[in-house]
PDB file of N, CA and C in Angstrom:
ATOM      1  N   MET A   1       0.942  -0.862   0.222  1.00  0.00           N
ATOM      2  CA  MET A   1      -0.134  -0.376  -0.164  1.00  0.00           C
ATOM      3  C   MET A   1       0.416   1.191   0.337  1.00  0.00           C
ATOM      4  N   GLU A   2       0.212   2.068  -0.888  1.00  0.00           N
ATOM      5  CA  GLU A   2       1.316   3.645  -0.691  1.00  0.00           C
ATOM      6  C   GLU A   2       0.576   4.469  -0.270  1.00  0.00           C
ATOM      7  N   GLN A   3       1.189   5.327   0.507  1.00  0.00           N
ATOM      8  CA  GLN A   3       0.884   6.639   0.550  1.00  0.00           C
ATOM      9  C   GLN A   3       0.859   7.637   0.756  1.00  0.00           C
ATOM     10  N   ILE A   4       0.146   8.826  -0.162  1.00  0.00           N
ATOM     11  CA  ILE A   4       0.428  10.365  -0.360  1.00  0.00           C
ATOM     12  C   ILE A   4       0.122  10.863   0.775  1.00  0.00           C
ATOM     13  N   VAL A   5       0.920  12.497   0.635  1.00  0.00           N
ATOM     14  CA  VAL A   5       0.173  13.374   2.334  1.00  0.00           C
ATOM     15  C   VAL A   5       0.483  14.697   1.352  1.00  0.00           C
ATOM     16  N   ILE A   6      -0.734  15.476   1.168  1.00  0.00           N
ATOM     17  CA  ILE A   6      -0.839  16.794   0.464  1.00  0.00           C
ATOM     18  C   ILE A   6      -1.392  17.858   1.175  1.00  0.00           C
ATOM     19  N   GLN A   7      -0.317  18.610   1.153  1.00  0.00           N
ATOM     20  CA  GLN A   7      -0.906  19.594   1.719  1.00  0.00           C
ATOM     21  C   GLN A   7      -1.688  21.065   1.403  1.00  0.00           C
ATOM     22  N   VAL A   8      -2.940  21.399   1.433  1.00  0.00           N
ATOM     23  CA  VAL A   8      -3.182  22.535   0.476  1.00  0.00           C
ATOM     24  C   VAL A   8      -3.752  23.526   1.517  1.00  0.00           C
ATOM     25  N   LYS A   9      -3.490  24.990   0.594  1.00  0.00           N
ATOM     26  CA  LYS A   9      -3.969  26.366   1.501  1.00  0.00           C
ATOM     27  C   LYS A   9      -5.572  26.545   1.748  1.00  0.00           C
ATOM     28  N   ASN A  10      -6.020  26.361   1.248  1.00  0.00           N
ATOM     29  CA  ASN A  10      -7.500  26.772   0.784  1.00  0.00           C
ATOM     30  C   ASN A  10      -8.365  25.332   1.650  1.00  0.00           C
ATOM     31  N   LYS A  11      -9.120  25.689   2.858  1.00  0.00           N
ATOM     32  CA  LYS A  11     -10.488  24.549   3.105  1.00  0.00           C
ATOM     33  C   LYS A  11     -10.665  24.460   2.418  1.00  0.00           C
ATOM     34  N   GLU A  12     -11.754  25.067   1.646  1.00  0.00           N
ATOM     35  CA  GLU A  12     -12.743  24.774   1.030  1.00  0.00           C
ATOM     36  C   GLU A  12     -12.099  24.059  -0.200  1.00  0.00           C
ATOM     37  N   LYS A  13     -11.340  24.352  -0.841  1.00  0.00           N
ATOM     38  CA  LYS A  13     -10.378  23.297  -2.468  1.00  0.00           C
ATOM     39  C   LYS A  13     -10.064  21.839  -1.481  1.00  0.00           C
ATOM     40  N   ALA A  14      -9.706  22.064  -0.501  1.00  0.00           N
ATOM     41  CA  ALA A  14      -9.400  20.927   0.730  1.00  0.00           C
ATOM     42  C   ALA A  14     -10.703  19.220   0.230  1.00  0.00           C
ATOM     43  N   LYS A  15     -11.862  20.399   0.857  1.00  0.00           N
ATOM     44  CA  LYS A  15     -13.228  19.533   1.298  1.00  0.00           C
ATOM     45  C   LYS A  15     -13.237  18.620   0.189  1.00  0.00           C
ATOM     46  N   ILE A  16     -12.661  19.432  -1.192  1.00  0.00           N
ATOM     47  CA  ILE A  16     -13.558  18.908  -2.941  1.00  0.00           C
ATOM     48  C   ILE A  16     -12.581  17.840  -2.999  1.00  0.00           C
ATOM     49  N   LEU A  17     -11.036  18.421  -2.965  1.00  0.00           N
ATOM     50  CA  LEU A  17     -10.062  17.312  -2.850  1.00  0.00           C
ATOM     51  C   LEU A  17     -10.382  15.780  -1.944  1.00  0.00           C
ATOM     52  N   HIS A  18     -10.771  16.204  -1.125  1.00  0.00           N
ATOM     53  CA  HIS A  18     -11.504  14.988  -0.192  1.00  0.00           C
ATOM     54  C   HIS A  18     -12.670  14.288  -1.119  1.00  0.00           C
ATOM     55  N   GLU A  19     -13.480  14.738  -1.633  1.00  0.00           N
ATOM     56  CA  GLU A  19     -14.223  14.101  -1.746  1.00  0.00           C
ATOM     57  C   GLU A  19     -14.318  13.109  -2.654  1.00  0.00           C
ATOM     58  N   LEU A  20     -13.348  13.838  -3.910  1.00  0.00           N
ATOM     59  CA  LEU A  20     -12.937  13.616  -4.853  1.00  0.00           C
ATOM     60  C   LEU A  20     -12.176  12.275  -4.707  1.00  0.00           C
ATOM     61  N   LEU A  21     -11.456  12.066  -3.989  1.00  0.00           N
ATOM     62  CA  LEU A  21     -10.559  11.258  -3.602  1.00  0.00           C
ATOM     63  C   LEU A  21     -10.436   9.992  -3.258  1.00  0.00           C
ATOM     64  N   ALA A  22     -12.162  10.205  -2.142  1.00  0.00           N
ATOM     65  CA  ALA A  22     -13.482   9.208  -1.088  1.00  0.00           C
ATOM     66  C   ALA A  22     -14.312   8.503  -2.229  1.00  0.00           C
ATOM     67  N   SER A  23     -14.328   9.271  -2.953  1.00  0.00           N
ATOM     68  CA  SER A  23     -14.963   9.055  -4.732  1.00  0.00           C
ATOM     69  C   SER A  23     -14.520   7.467  -5.530  1.00  0.00           C
ATOM     70  N   LEU A  24     -12.799   7.584  -5.519  1.00  0.00           N
ATOM     71  CA  LEU A  24     -12.222   6.658  -6.139  1.00  0.00           C
ATOM     72  C   LEU A  24     -11.924   5.445  -5.987  1.00  0.00           C
ATOM     73  N   ASP A  25     -12.138   4.639  -6.436  1.00  0.00           N
ATOM     74  CA  ASP A  25     -12.357   3.199  -6.137  1.00  0.00           C
ATOM     75  C   ASP A  25     -11.187   2.134  -5.465  1.00  0.00           C
ATOM     76  N   PHE A  26     -10.216   2.975  -6.175  1.00  0.00           N
ATOM     77  CA  PHE A  26      -8.754   2.466  -5.572  1.00  0.00           C
ATOM     78  C   PHE A  26      -8.396   2.922  -4.650  1.00  0.00           C
ATOM     79  N   VAL A  27      -9.101   3.693  -3.786  1.00  0.00           N
ATOM     80  CA  VAL A  27      -8.336   4.550  -2.454  1.00  0.00           C
ATOM     81  C   VAL A  27      -9.257   4.303  -1.441  1.00  0.00           C
ATOM     82  N   GLU A  28      -8.350   3.534  -0.590  1.00  0.00           N
ATOM     83  CA  GLU A  28      -8.758   2.527   0.642  1.00  0.00           C
ATOM     84  C   GLU A  28      -9.026   3.466   1.496  1.00  0.00           C
ATOM     85  N   PHE A  29      -8.527   5.022   1.776  1.00  0.00           N
ATOM     86  CA  PHE A  29      -8.826   5.098   3.352  1.00  0.00           C
ATOM     87  C   PHE A  29      -8.572   6.760   3.011  1.00  0.00           C
ATOM     88  N   VAL A  30      -8.890   8.003   3.557  1.00  0.00           N
ATOM     89  CA  VAL A  30      -8.794   8.977   3.045  1.00  0.00           C
ATOM     90  C   VAL A  30      -9.374  10.059   4.856  1.00  0.00           C
ATOM     91  N   ARG A  31      -8.000  10.687   5.189  1.00  0.00           N
ATOM     92  CA  ARG A  31      -8.132  11.362   6.553  1.00  0.00           C
ATOM     93  C   ARG A  31      -7.723  12.759   6.164  1.00  0.00           C
ATOM     94  N   MET A  32      -9.068  13.899   6.916  1.00  0.00           N
ATOM     95  CA  MET A  32      -8.426  15.006   6.850  1.00  0.00           C
ATOM     96  C   MET A  32      -8.029  15.278   8.130  1.00  0.00           C
ATOM     97  N   ALA A  33      -7.295  16.340   8.042  1.00  0.00           N
ATOM     98  CA  ALA A  33      -6.662  16.849   9.638  1.00  0.00           C
ATOM     99  C   ALA A  33      -6.526  18.332   8.999  1.00  0.00           C
ATOM    100  N   THR A  34      -7.328  18.942  10.222  1.00  0.00           N
ATOM    101  CA  THR A  34      -7.107  20.647   9.724  1.00  0.00           C
ATOM    102  C   THR A  34      -5.409  21.099  10.675  1.00  0.00           C
ATOM    103  N   LYS A  35      -4.606  21.564  10.475  1.00  0.00           N
ATOM    104  CA  LYS A  35      -3.676  22.595  11.832  1.00  0.00           C
ATOM    105  C   LYS A  35      -4.533  23.304  12.427  1.00  0.00           C
ATOM    106  N   ASP A  36      -5.847  24.019  12.031  1.00  0.00           N
ATOM    107  CA  ASP A  36      -6.457  24.831  13.297  1.00  0.00           C
ATOM    108  C   ASP A  36      -7.049  24.435  14.528  1.00  0.00           C
ATOM    109  N   ASN A  37      -7.326  23.199  14.689  1.00  0.00           N
ATOM    110  CA  ASN A  37      -7.212  22.531  16.083  1.00  0.00           C
ATOM    111  C   ASN A  37      -6.904  20.892  16.220  1.00  0.00           C
ATOM    112  N   ASP A  38      -6.527  20.291  14.909  1.00  0.00           N
ATOM    113  CA  ASP A  38      -6.093  19.251  15.355  1.00  0.00           C
ATOM    114  C   ASP A  38      -7.259  18.364  15.183  1.00  0.00           C
ATOM    115  N   THR A  39      -7.927  18.677  14.454  1.00  0.00           N
ATOM    116  CA  THR A  39      -8.986  17.548  13.992  1.00  0.00           C
ATOM    117  C   THR A  39      -9.039  16.554  12.995  1.00  0.00           C
ATOM    118  N   GLU A  40     -10.086  15.769  13.034  1.00  0.00           N
ATOM    119  CA  GLU A  40      -9.449  14.269  11.580  1.00  0.00           C
ATOM    120  C   GLU A  40     -11.065  13.832  11.638  1.00  0.00           C
ATOM    121  N   GLU A  41     -11.128  13.836   9.944  1.00  0.00           N
ATOM    122  CA  GLU A  41     -12.546  13.456   9.719  1.00  0.00           C
ATOM    123  C   GLU A  41     -12.428  12.505   9.171  1.00  0.00           C
ATOM    124  N   THR A  42     -12.872  11.454   9.241  1.00  0.00           N
ATOM    125  CA  THR A  42     -13.043  10.346   8.496  1.00  0.00           C
ATOM    126  C   THR A  42     -13.102   9.874   7.882  1.00  0.00           C
ATOM    127  N   GLU A  43     -13.224   8.540   7.076  1.00  0.00           N
ATOM    128  CA  GLU A  43     -14.337   8.317   6.022  1.00  0.00           C
ATOM    129  C   GLU A  43     -14.471   6.324   6.671  1.00  0.00           C
ATOM    130  N   ASP A  44     -13.555   6.160   7.621  1.00  0.00           N
ATOM    131  CA  ASP A  44     -13.990   4.745   7.891  1.00  0.00           C
ATOM    132  C   ASP A  44     -15.348   4.169   8.685  1.00  0.00           C
ATOM    133  N   PHE A  45     -15.720   2.952   7.129  1.00  0.00           N
ATOM    134  CA  PHE A  45     -16.831   3.103   8.025  1.00  0.00           C
ATOM    135  C   PHE A  45     -16.591   1.503   8.814  1.00  0.00           C
ATOM    136  N   PHE A  46     -15.265   1.143   9.471  1.00  0.00           N
ATOM    137  CA  PHE A  46     -15.555   0.448  10.193  1.00  0.00           C
ATOM    138  C   PHE A  46     -15.206   1.019  11.760  1.00  0.00           C
ATOM    139  N   ALA A  47     -14.891   2.272  12.030  1.00  0.00           N
ATOM    140  CA  ALA A  47     -14.905   3.477  12.811  1.00  0.00           C
ATOM    141  C   ALA A  47     -16.222   3.086  13.872  1.00  0.00           C
ATOM    142  N   LEU A  48     -17.094   3.082  13.187  1.00  0.00           N
ATOM    143  CA  LEU A  48     -18.259   2.945  13.859  1.00  0.00           C
ATOM    144  C   LEU A  48     -18.513   0.970  14.476  1.00  0.00           C
ATOM    145  N   ALA A  49     -17.590   0.230  13.888  1.00  0.00           N
ATOM    146  CA  ALA A  49     -17.577  -1.049  14.554  1.00  0.00           C
ATOM    147  C   ALA A  49     -18.122  -1.186  15.767  1.00  0.00           C
ATOM    148  N   GLY A  50     -19.033  -1.808  16.560  1.00  0.00           N
ATOM    149  CA  GLY A  50     -20.207  -2.347  17.960  1.00  0.00           C
ATOM    150  C   GLY A  50     -20.405  -0.969  18.554  1.00  0.00           C
ATOM    151  N   LEU A  51     -21.049  -0.302  17.614  1.00  0.00           N
ATOM    152  CA  LEU A  51     -22.042   0.848  17.828  1.00  0.00           C
ATOM    153  C   LEU A  51     -23.666   0.228  18.564  1.00  0.00           C
ATOM    154  N   TRP A  52     -24.011  -1.105  17.828  1.00  0.00           N
ATOM    155  CA  TRP A  52     -24.912  -1.776  18.250  1.00  0.00           C
ATOM    156  C   TRP A  52     -24.373  -2.317  19.463  1.00  0.00           C
ATOM    157  N   GLU A  53     -23.487  -2.462  19.590  1.00  0.00           N
ATOM    158  CA  GLU A  53     -23.145  -3.857  20.578  1.00  0.00           C
ATOM    159  C   GLU A  53     -24.349  -3.938  21.411  1.00  0.00           C
ATOM    160  N   GLY A  54     -24.587  -5.098  22.504  1.00  0.00           N
ATOM    161  CA  GLY A  54     -25.316  -5.618  23.748  1.00  0.00           C
ATOM    162  C   GLY A  54     -26.395  -4.551  22.920  1.00  0.00           C
ATOM    163  N   ARG A  55     -27.334  -4.875  22.030  1.00  0.00           N
ATOM    164  CA  ARG A  55     -28.688  -4.322  21.820  1.00  0.00           C
ATOM    165  C   ARG A  55     -29.368  -5.587  20.864  1.00  0.00           C
ATOM    166  N   ASP A  56     -30.253  -5.489  21.289  1.00  0.00           N
ATOM    167  CA  ASP A  56     -30.891  -7.259  20.286  1.00  0.00           C
ATOM    168  C   ASP A  56     -31.743  -6.179  19.000  1.00  0.00           C
ATOM    169  N   ILE A  57     -31.142  -6.569  17.956  1.00  0.00           N
ATOM    170  CA  ILE A  57     -31.874  -5.547  16.973  1.00  0.00           C
ATOM    171  C   ILE A  57     -31.611  -6.736  16.018  1.00  0.00           C
ATOM    172  N   SER A  58     -32.393  -6.645  15.593  1.00  0.00           N
ATOM    173  CA  SER A  58     -32.359  -7.911  14.039  1.00  0.00           C
ATOM    174  C   SER A  58     -33.438  -7.514  12.826  1.00  0.00           C
ATOM    175  N   GLN A  59     -33.650  -7.523  11.680  1.00  0.00           N
ATOM    176  CA  GLN A  59     -34.444  -7.049  11.001  1.00  0.00           C
ATOM    177  C   GLN A  59     -35.483  -7.709  11.568  1.00  0.00           C
ATOM    178  N   GLU A  60     -36.355  -9.274  12.336  1.00  0.00           N
ATOM    179  CA  GLU A  60     -37.830  -8.845  12.422  1.00  0.00           C
ATOM    180  C   GLU A  60     -37.912  -8.089  13.920  1.00  0.00           C
ATOM    181  N   SER A  61     -37.057  -7.981  14.772  1.00  0.00           N
ATOM    182  CA  SER A  61     -37.529  -6.786  15.879  1.00  0.00           C
ATOM    183  C   SER A  61     -37.340  -5.436  14.953  1.00  0.00           C
ATOM    184  N   ILE A  62     -36.726  -5.020  14.111  1.00  0.00           N
ATOM    185  CA  ILE A  62     -36.881  -3.160  13.236  1.00  0.00           C
ATOM    186  C   ILE A  62     -38.474  -3.751  12.762  1.00  0.00           C
ATOM    187  N   ARG A  63     -38.619  -4.596  12.066  1.00  0.00           N
ATOM    188  CA  ARG A  63     -40.300  -4.934  11.271  1.00  0.00           C
ATOM    189  C   ARG A  63     -41.131  -4.707  12.536  1.00  0.00           C
ATOM    190  N   GLN A  64     -41.140  -4.826  13.643  1.00  0.00           N
ATOM    191  CA  GLN A  64     -42.062  -4.868  14.689  1.00  0.00           C
ATOM    192  C   GLN A  64     -42.536  -3.566  14.395  1.00  0.00           C
ATOM    193  N   GLN A  65     -41.597  -3.089  14.817  1.00  0.00           N
ATOM    194  CA  GLN A  65     -41.691  -1.024  15.673  1.00  0.00           C
ATOM    195  C   GLN A  65     -41.877  -0.745  14.940  1.00  0.00           C
ATOM    196  N   ALA A  66     -41.368  -0.809  13.510  1.00  0.00           N
ATOM    197  CA  ALA A  66     -41.801   0.057  12.076  1.00  0.00           C
ATOM    198  C   ALA A  66     -43.564  -0.626  11.708  1.00  0.00           C
ATOM    199  N   TRP A  67     -43.662  -1.636  11.661  1.00  0.00           N
ATOM    200  CA  TRP A  67     -45.188  -2.079  11.545  1.00  0.00           C
ATOM    201  C   TRP A  67     -46.221  -2.283  12.446  1.00  0.00           C
ATOM    202  N   PRO A  68     -46.395  -2.478  13.770  1.00  0.00           N
ATOM    203  CA  PRO A  68     -46.767  -2.909  14.195  1.00  0.00           C
ATOM    204  C   PRO A  68     -48.416  -3.256  13.763  1.00  0.00           C
ATOM    205  N   ARG A  69     -48.833  -4.058  14.172  1.00  0.00           N
ATOM    206  CA  ARG A  69     -50.378  -5.360  13.947  1.00  0.00           C
ATOM    207  C   ARG A  69     -50.839  -4.183  14.309  1.00  0.00           C
ATOM    208  N   GLN A  70     -52.271  -3.997  13.379  1.00  0.00           N
ATOM    209  CA  GLN A  70     -53.505  -3.729  14.764  1.00  0.00           C
ATOM    210  C   GLN A  70     -54.309  -4.329  13.943  1.00  0.00           C
ATOM    211  N   SER A  71     -54.684  -4.865  15.334  1.00  0.00           N
ATOM    212  CA  SER A  71     -56.250  -5.644  15.798  1.00  0.00           C
ATOM    213  C   SER A  71     -57.166  -4.629  14.481  1.00  0.00           C
ATOM    214  N   SER A  72     -58.131  -5.811  13.944  1.00  0.00           N
ATOM    215  CA  SER A  72     -59.074  -4.890  13.265  1.00  0.00           C
ATOM    216  C   SER A  72     -60.500  -5.236  14.317  1.00  0.00           C
TER     217      SER A  72
END
């Protein structure tokens, strides 16, 4: 795997470049960091792994909550 580091002066143009790179199928991961506050925005799907851990979520339970049977 190869890495490229790009420093962009304009924040709006950096966002455009970020979106372009994220849309390419051969790009595995895109990270955007700002020097203003050193925060990072990630496009990592697996960063949310475990979000539903310990919860009883299934297709059936979602269907039951979304479309409850009404007695006629």
